[in-house]
Amino acid sequence: MGPPGSGKGTQAVHIASTKGVKSISSGDLFRENLSMNTDLGKLAKSFMDKGEYVPDKVTIDMVMGWIDNPEHSAGFVLDGFPRTLAQAEALEERLADKGGVDRVIFFNVPEGVLVSRLSSRFICRSCHTPYNDISSPPLSEGKCDLCHGELYQRDDDQADVVRNRLSVYMRETEPVVDHFRQMGKLFEIDASQKIEDVRGLLEKAIR
């Protein structure tokens, strides 16, 4: 778990590969179900098309469908999920016969660092390669290293929008963090450090 820009997606993929398991985010699952036109995907789309929030039960069913796949019987990493207290409680209930969630890693980063990270992100219009003016800038300003396409900034990566996104995230997820902390499953790490240093803290928490 962690706010936008905390690096949890990058680290989830890394820790999953070191443990020989798969990682998944709820966003990946939504895209997968929508592209495959599954019953759950169509149900989710019916809410999204009306501009409504996809109910927690639909999201949980997608996640559990993925978890119950025999390919993931050795374990798995959930990236950024659960995001609400209702999702957390439902997930624990559905995983009760598997021993529940082993541990939750919370990536804690000061708001100022997150705003700087997110408002420095740019994406290639042609091949969608991501760049960051701070951590991974392009060789030529405004141009993609791979295809020389134009780089642009998403509307939701502008500083004022970023602050609002972070406010919404913390309001939604603070009860989830407290939930897992009370269960003794939460490990909090300082994710404002370099990727390599965060990786070391993460591996220590997993051990």
C-alpha atoms as a PDB file:
ATOM      1  CA  MET A   1       0.000   0.000   0.000  1.00  0.00           C
ATOM      2  CA  GLY A   2       1.050   3.577  -0.570  1.00  0.00           C
ATOM      3  CA  PRO A   3      -0.085   6.848  -2.139  1.00  0.00           C
ATOM      4  CA  PRO A   4       0.328   7.664  -5.835  1.00  0.00           C
ATOM      5  CA  GLY A   5       4.020   8.234  -6.576  1.00  0.00           C
ATOM      6  CA  SER A   6       5.289   6.157  -3.648  1.00  0.00           C
ATOM      7  CA  GLY A   7       6.840   3.555  -5.980  1.00  0.00           C
ATOM      8  CA  LYS A   8       4.757   0.631  -4.766  1.00  0.00           C
ATOM      9  CA  GLY A   9       4.082  -0.646  -8.297  1.00  0.00           C
ATOM     10  CA  THR A  10       7.781  -0.876  -9.164  1.00  0.00           C
ATOM     11  CA  GLN A  11       8.609  -2.564  -5.867  1.00  0.00           C
ATOM     12  CA  ALA A  12       5.636  -4.969  -6.058  1.00  0.00           C
ATOM     13  CA  VAL A  13       6.929  -6.339  -9.356  1.00  0.00           C
ATOM     14  CA  HIS A  14      10.446  -6.678  -7.902  1.00  0.00           C
ATOM     15  CA  ILE A  15       9.449  -8.477  -4.704  1.00  0.00           C
ATOM     16  CA  ALA A  16       7.112 -10.800  -6.605  1.00  0.00           C
ATOM     17  CA  SER A  17       9.933 -11.782  -8.974  1.00  0.00           C
ATOM     18  CA  THR A  18      12.346 -12.456  -6.105  1.00  0.00           C
ATOM     19  CA  LYS A  19       9.761 -14.725  -4.456  1.00  0.00           C
ATOM     20  CA  GLY A  20       8.793 -16.483  -7.682  1.00  0.00           C
ATOM     21  CA  VAL A  21       5.163 -15.342  -7.507  1.00  0.00           C
ATOM     22  CA  LYS A  22       2.954 -12.903  -9.449  1.00  0.00           C
ATOM     23  CA  SER A  23       1.814  -9.395  -8.565  1.00  0.00           C
ATOM     24  CA  ILE A  24      -1.398  -7.683  -9.636  1.00  0.00           C
ATOM     25  CA  SER A  25      -3.060  -4.297  -9.159  1.00  0.00           C
ATOM     26  CA  SER A  26      -6.803  -3.683  -9.202  1.00  0.00           C
ATOM     27  CA  GLY A  27      -6.260  -1.431 -12.227  1.00  0.00           C
ATOM     28  CA  ASP A  28      -4.606  -4.318 -14.100  1.00  0.00           C
ATOM     29  CA  LEU A  29      -7.542  -6.560 -13.216  1.00  0.00           C
ATOM     30  CA  PHE A  30     -10.093  -4.037 -14.432  1.00  0.00           C
ATOM     31  CA  ARG A  31      -8.277  -3.622 -17.753  1.00  0.00           C
ATOM     32  CA  GLU A  32      -7.878  -7.396 -18.120  1.00  0.00           C
ATOM     33  CA  ASN A  33     -11.545  -8.121 -17.437  1.00  0.00           C
ATOM     34  CA  LEU A  34     -12.709  -5.287 -19.699  1.00  0.00           C
ATOM     35  CA  SER A  35     -10.471  -6.391 -22.579  1.00  0.00           C
ATOM     36  CA  MET A  36     -11.594 -10.025 -22.225  1.00  0.00           C
ATOM     37  CA  ASN A  37     -15.248  -8.907 -21.908  1.00  0.00           C
ATOM     38  CA  THR A  38     -15.795 -11.175 -18.888  1.00  0.00           C
ATOM     39  CA  ASP A  39     -19.076 -11.104 -16.966  1.00  0.00           C
ATOM     40  CA  LEU A  40     -17.357  -9.170 -14.158  1.00  0.00           C
ATOM     41  CA  GLY A  41     -15.791  -6.834 -16.700  1.00  0.00           C
ATOM     42  CA  LYS A  42     -19.174  -6.120 -18.272  1.00  0.00           C
ATOM     43  CA  LEU A  43     -20.699  -5.572 -14.829  1.00  0.00           C
ATOM     44  CA  ALA A  44     -17.920  -3.138 -13.872  1.00  0.00           C
ATOM     45  CA  LYS A  45     -18.312  -1.330 -17.200  1.00  0.00           C
ATOM     46  CA  SER A  46     -22.042  -0.881 -16.605  1.00  0.00           C
ATOM     47  CA  PHE A  47     -21.228   1.186 -13.504  1.00  0.00           C
ATOM     48  CA  MET A  48     -18.307   3.031 -15.101  1.00  0.00           C
ATOM     49  CA  ASP A  49     -20.375   4.016 -18.150  1.00  0.00           C
ATOM     50  CA  LYS A  50     -22.838   5.715 -15.812  1.00  0.00           C
ATOM     51  CA  GLY A  51     -20.022   7.478 -14.001  1.00  0.00           C
ATOM     52  CA  GLU A  52     -20.712   5.457 -10.861  1.00  0.00           C
ATOM     53  CA  TYR A  53     -18.262   3.880  -8.413  1.00  0.00           C
ATOM     54  CA  VAL A  54     -17.684   0.176  -9.057  1.00  0.00           C
ATOM     55  CA  PRO A  55     -19.025  -1.636  -5.948  1.00  0.00           C
ATOM     56  CA  ASP A  56     -16.450  -3.235  -3.643  1.00  0.00           C
ATOM     57  CA  LYS A  57     -18.038  -6.661  -4.175  1.00  0.00           C
ATOM     58  CA  VAL A  58     -17.292  -6.541  -7.917  1.00  0.00           C
ATOM     59  CA  THR A  59     -13.678  -5.548  -7.270  1.00  0.00           C
ATOM     60  CA  ILE A  60     -13.292  -8.236  -4.587  1.00  0.00           C
ATOM     61  CA  ASP A  61     -14.743 -10.876  -6.922  1.00  0.00           C
ATOM     62  CA  MET A  62     -12.191  -9.908  -9.580  1.00  0.00           C
ATOM     63  CA  VAL A  63      -9.320 -10.085  -7.089  1.00  0.00           C
ATOM     64  CA  MET A  64     -10.475 -13.413  -5.646  1.00  0.00           C
ATOM     65  CA  GLY A  65     -10.932 -14.867  -9.128  1.00  0.00           C
ATOM     66  CA  TRP A  66      -7.286 -14.024  -9.806  1.00  0.00           C
ATOM     67  CA  ILE A  67      -6.091 -15.324  -6.402  1.00  0.00           C
ATOM     68  CA  ASP A  68      -8.003 -18.608  -6.799  1.00  0.00           C
ATOM     69  CA  ASN A  69      -6.214 -19.343 -10.080  1.00  0.00           C
ATOM     70  CA  PRO A  70      -4.018 -22.446  -9.420  1.00  0.00           C
ATOM     71  CA  GLU A  71      -1.058 -20.489 -10.862  1.00  0.00           C
ATOM     72  CA  HIS A  72      -1.103 -18.337  -7.718  1.00  0.00           C
ATOM     73  CA  SER A  73      -1.380 -21.122  -5.139  1.00  0.00           C
ATOM     74  CA  ALA A  74       2.214 -20.515  -3.950  1.00  0.00           C
ATOM     75  CA  GLY A  75       1.453 -16.915  -3.017  1.00  0.00           C
ATOM     76  CA  PHE A  76       0.973 -13.506  -4.571  1.00  0.00           C
ATOM     77  CA  VAL A  77       1.533  -9.781  -4.159  1.00  0.00           C
ATOM     78  CA  LEU A  78      -1.395  -7.341  -4.280  1.00  0.00           C
ATOM     79  CA  ASP A  79      -0.354  -3.904  -5.502  1.00  0.00           C
ATOM     80  CA  GLY A  80      -2.391  -1.044  -4.010  1.00  0.00           C
ATOM     81  CA  PHE A  81      -5.268  -3.246  -2.916  1.00  0.00           C
ATOM     82  CA  PRO A  82      -7.311  -3.171  -0.706  1.00  0.00           C
ATOM     83  CA  ARG A  83      -7.933   0.550  -0.882  1.00  0.00           C
ATOM     84  CA  THR A  84     -10.986   0.892   1.378  1.00  0.00           C
ATOM     85  CA  LEU A  85     -11.842  -0.570   4.773  1.00  0.00           C
ATOM     86  CA  ALA A  86     -14.764  -2.480   3.235  1.00  0.00           C
ATOM     87  CA  GLN A  87     -12.385  -4.065   0.707  1.00  0.00           C
ATOM     88  CA  ALA A  88      -9.890  -4.942   3.453  1.00  0.00           C
ATOM     89  CA  GLU A  89     -12.512  -6.633   5.627  1.00  0.00           C
ATOM     90  CA  ALA A  90     -14.007  -8.503   2.663  1.00  0.00           C
ATOM     91  CA  LEU A  91     -10.571  -9.663   1.512  1.00  0.00           C
ATOM     92  CA  GLU A  92      -9.663 -10.975   4.975  1.00  0.00           C
ATOM     93  CA  GLU A  93     -12.981 -12.822   5.154  1.00  0.00           C
ATOM     94  CA  ARG A  94     -12.555 -14.379   1.703  1.00  0.00           C
ATOM     95  CA  LEU A  95      -8.950 -15.367   2.497  1.00  0.00           C
ATOM     96  CA  ALA A  96      -9.741 -16.816   5.935  1.00  0.00           C
ATOM     97  CA  ASP A  97      -9.333 -20.418   4.775  1.00  0.00           C
ATOM     98  CA  LYS A  98      -5.938 -19.523   3.251  1.00  0.00           C
ATOM     99  CA  GLY A  99      -4.632 -17.907   6.423  1.00  0.00           C
ATOM    100  CA  GLY A 100      -5.495 -14.329   5.440  1.00  0.00           C
ATOM    101  CA  VAL A 101      -3.052 -11.655   4.319  1.00  0.00           C
ATOM    102  CA  ASP A 102       0.472 -12.392   5.588  1.00  0.00           C
ATOM    103  CA  ARG A 103       1.635  -8.807   5.843  1.00  0.00           C
ATOM    104  CA  VAL A 104       0.965  -5.337   4.537  1.00  0.00           C
ATOM    105  CA  ILE A 105       3.813  -3.039   3.519  1.00  0.00           C
ATOM    106  CA  PHE A 106       2.908   0.644   3.717  1.00  0.00           C
ATOM    107  CA  PHE A 107       5.089   2.978   1.628  1.00  0.00           C
ATOM    108  CA  ASN A 108       5.199   6.239   3.594  1.00  0.00           C
ATOM    109  CA  VAL A 109       6.356   9.326   1.687  1.00  0.00           C
ATOM    110  CA  PRO A 110       5.974  13.019   2.687  1.00  0.00           C
ATOM    111  CA  GLU A 111       3.420  14.911   0.605  1.00  0.00           C
ATOM    112  CA  GLY A 112       6.006  17.381  -0.716  1.00  0.00           C
ATOM    113  CA  VAL A 113       8.126  14.552  -2.126  1.00  0.00           C
ATOM    114  CA  LEU A 114       5.083  12.926  -3.752  1.00  0.00           C
ATOM    115  CA  VAL A 115       3.963  16.186  -5.378  1.00  0.00           C
ATOM    116  CA  SER A 116       7.479  16.692  -6.741  1.00  0.00           C
ATOM    117  CA  ARG A 117       7.675  13.132  -8.074  1.00  0.00           C
ATOM    118  CA  LEU A 118       4.241  13.087  -9.696  1.00  0.00           C
ATOM    119  CA  SER A 119       4.362  16.586 -11.174  1.00  0.00           C
ATOM    120  CA  SER A 120       7.695  15.655 -12.802  1.00  0.00           C
ATOM    121  CA  ARG A 121       6.204  12.718 -14.757  1.00  0.00           C
ATOM    122  CA  PHE A 122       5.895  12.833 -18.533  1.00  0.00           C
ATOM    123  CA  ILE A 123       4.733  10.250 -21.079  1.00  0.00           C
ATOM    124  CA  CYS A 124       5.502   9.752 -24.773  1.00  0.00           C
ATOM    125  CA  ARG A 125       2.446  10.402 -26.950  1.00  0.00           C
ATOM    126  CA  SER A 126       3.533   7.740 -29.434  1.00  0.00           C
ATOM    127  CA  CYS A 127       4.902   4.735 -27.481  1.00  0.00           C
ATOM    128  CA  HIS A 128       3.701   5.704 -23.961  1.00  0.00           C
ATOM    129  CA  THR A 129       7.162   5.296 -22.383  1.00  0.00           C
ATOM    130  CA  PRO A 130       7.183   7.097 -18.997  1.00  0.00           C
ATOM    131  CA  TYR A 131       9.847   9.604 -17.950  1.00  0.00           C
ATOM    132  CA  ASN A 132      10.529  11.649 -14.840  1.00  0.00           C
ATOM    133  CA  ASP A 133      12.463  14.915 -14.920  1.00  0.00           C
ATOM    134  CA  ILE A 134      13.949  14.093 -11.511  1.00  0.00           C
ATOM    135  CA  SER A 135      14.727  10.366 -11.537  1.00  0.00           C
ATOM    136  CA  SER A 136      14.688   9.312 -15.204  1.00  0.00           C
ATOM    137  CA  PRO A 137      14.804  12.314 -17.563  1.00  0.00           C
ATOM    138  CA  PRO A 138      14.901  11.910 -21.361  1.00  0.00           C
ATOM    139  CA  LEU A 139      18.184  12.485 -23.192  1.00  0.00           C
ATOM    140  CA  SER A 140      16.610  15.381 -25.120  1.00  0.00           C
ATOM    141  CA  GLU A 141      14.107  17.649 -23.375  1.00  0.00           C
ATOM    142  CA  GLY A 142      10.544  16.981 -24.518  1.00  0.00           C
ATOM    143  CA  LYS A 143      11.471  14.020 -26.741  1.00  0.00           C
ATOM    144  CA  CYS A 144      11.260  10.260 -26.214  1.00  0.00           C
ATOM    145  CA  ASP A 145      14.591   8.395 -26.230  1.00  0.00           C
ATOM    146  CA  LEU A 146      13.032   5.417 -28.010  1.00  0.00           C
ATOM    147  CA  CYS A 147      10.841   6.831 -30.776  1.00  0.00           C
ATOM    148  CA  HIS A 148      11.545  10.591 -30.566  1.00  0.00           C
ATOM    149  CA  GLY A 149       7.849  11.205 -29.954  1.00  0.00           C
ATOM    150  CA  GLU A 150       6.577  14.247 -28.059  1.00  0.00           C
ATOM    151  CA  LEU A 151       6.449  13.992 -24.253  1.00  0.00           C
ATOM    152  CA  TYR A 152       3.373  15.326 -22.459  1.00  0.00           C
ATOM    153  CA  GLN A 153       2.108  15.583 -18.887  1.00  0.00           C
ATOM    154  CA  ARG A 154      -1.215  14.022 -17.913  1.00  0.00           C
ATOM    155  CA  ASP A 155      -3.781  16.410 -16.459  1.00  0.00           C
ATOM    156  CA  ASP A 156      -3.873  14.422 -13.220  1.00  0.00           C
ATOM    157  CA  ASP A 157      -0.093  14.813 -12.766  1.00  0.00           C
ATOM    158  CA  GLN A 158      -0.262  18.611 -12.436  1.00  0.00           C
ATOM    159  CA  ALA A 159       0.651  19.850  -8.957  1.00  0.00           C
ATOM    160  CA  ASP A 160      -2.767  21.116  -7.802  1.00  0.00           C
ATOM    161  CA  VAL A 161      -4.512  17.960  -9.047  1.00  0.00           C
ATOM    162  CA  VAL A 162      -1.828  15.797  -7.428  1.00  0.00           C
ATOM    163  CA  ARG A 163      -2.465  17.382  -4.028  1.00  0.00           C
ATOM    164  CA  ASN A 164      -6.175  16.629  -4.330  1.00  0.00           C
ATOM    165  CA  ARG A 165      -5.468  13.010  -5.395  1.00  0.00           C
ATOM    166  CA  LEU A 166      -3.236  12.563  -2.348  1.00  0.00           C
ATOM    167  CA  SER A 167      -5.876  14.038  -0.040  1.00  0.00           C
ATOM    168  CA  VAL A 168      -8.513  11.633  -1.393  1.00  0.00           C
ATOM    169  CA  TYR A 169      -6.132   8.684  -1.137  1.00  0.00           C
ATOM    170  CA  MET A 170      -5.247   9.339   2.503  1.00  0.00           C
ATOM    171  CA  ARG A 171      -8.879   9.900   3.469  1.00  0.00           C
ATOM    172  CA  GLU A 172      -9.861   6.542   1.918  1.00  0.00           C
ATOM    173  CA  THR A 173      -6.915   4.468   3.054  1.00  0.00           C
ATOM    174  CA  GLU A 174      -6.085   5.742   6.541  1.00  0.00           C
ATOM    175  CA  PRO A 175      -8.738   3.405   8.062  1.00  0.00           C
ATOM    176  CA  VAL A 176      -7.230   0.498   6.066  1.00  0.00           C
ATOM    177  CA  VAL A 177      -3.738   1.242   7.388  1.00  0.00           C
ATOM    178  CA  ASP A 178      -5.111   1.396  10.953  1.00  0.00           C
ATOM    179  CA  HIS A 179      -7.013  -1.878  10.369  1.00  0.00           C
ATOM    180  CA  PHE A 180      -3.886  -3.818   9.441  1.00  0.00           C
ATOM    181  CA  ARG A 181      -1.788  -2.039  12.083  1.00  0.00           C
ATOM    182  CA  GLN A 182      -4.203  -3.214  14.792  1.00  0.00           C
ATOM    183  CA  MET A 183      -3.936  -6.752  13.411  1.00  0.00           C
ATOM    184  CA  GLY A 184      -0.143  -6.593  13.742  1.00  0.00           C
ATOM    185  CA  LYS A 185       0.324  -7.124   9.996  1.00  0.00           C
ATOM    186  CA  LEU A 186       1.464  -3.644   8.957  1.00  0.00           C
ATOM    187  CA  PHE A 187       5.105  -2.847   8.190  1.00  0.00           C
ATOM    188  CA  GLU A 188       5.778   0.820   7.451  1.00  0.00           C
ATOM    189  CA  ILE A 189       8.829   1.815   5.409  1.00  0.00           C
ATOM    190  CA  ASP A 190      10.283   5.178   4.397  1.00  0.00           C
ATOM    191  CA  ALA A 191       9.800   5.148   0.620  1.00  0.00           C
ATOM    192  CA  SER A 192      11.195   8.649   0.099  1.00  0.00           C
ATOM    193  CA  GLN A 193      14.666   7.131  -0.308  1.00  0.00           C
ATOM    194  CA  LYS A 194      16.385   5.854  -3.466  1.00  0.00           C
ATOM    195  CA  ILE A 195      14.809   2.843  -5.214  1.00  0.00           C
ATOM    196  CA  GLU A 196      17.706   0.584  -4.173  1.00  0.00           C
ATOM    197  CA  ASP A 197      17.448   1.637  -0.507  1.00  0.00           C
ATOM    198  CA  VAL A 198      13.673   1.157  -0.475  1.00  0.00           C
ATOM    199  CA  ARG A 199      14.197  -2.264  -2.033  1.00  0.00           C
ATOM    200  CA  GLY A 200      16.499  -3.237   0.829  1.00  0.00           C
ATOM    201  CA  LEU A 201      13.964  -2.098   3.449  1.00  0.00           C
ATOM    202  CA  LEU A 202      11.215  -3.971   1.619  1.00  0.00           C
ATOM    203  CA  GLU A 203      13.163  -7.236   1.469  1.00  0.00           C
ATOM    204  CA  LYS A 204      13.947  -6.908   5.190  1.00  0.00           C
ATOM    205  CA  ALA A 205      10.224  -6.414   5.953  1.00  0.00           C
ATOM    206  CA  ILE A 206       9.330  -9.468   3.856  1.00  0.00           C
ATOM    207  CA  ARG A 207      11.881 -11.624   5.671  1.00  0.00           C
END
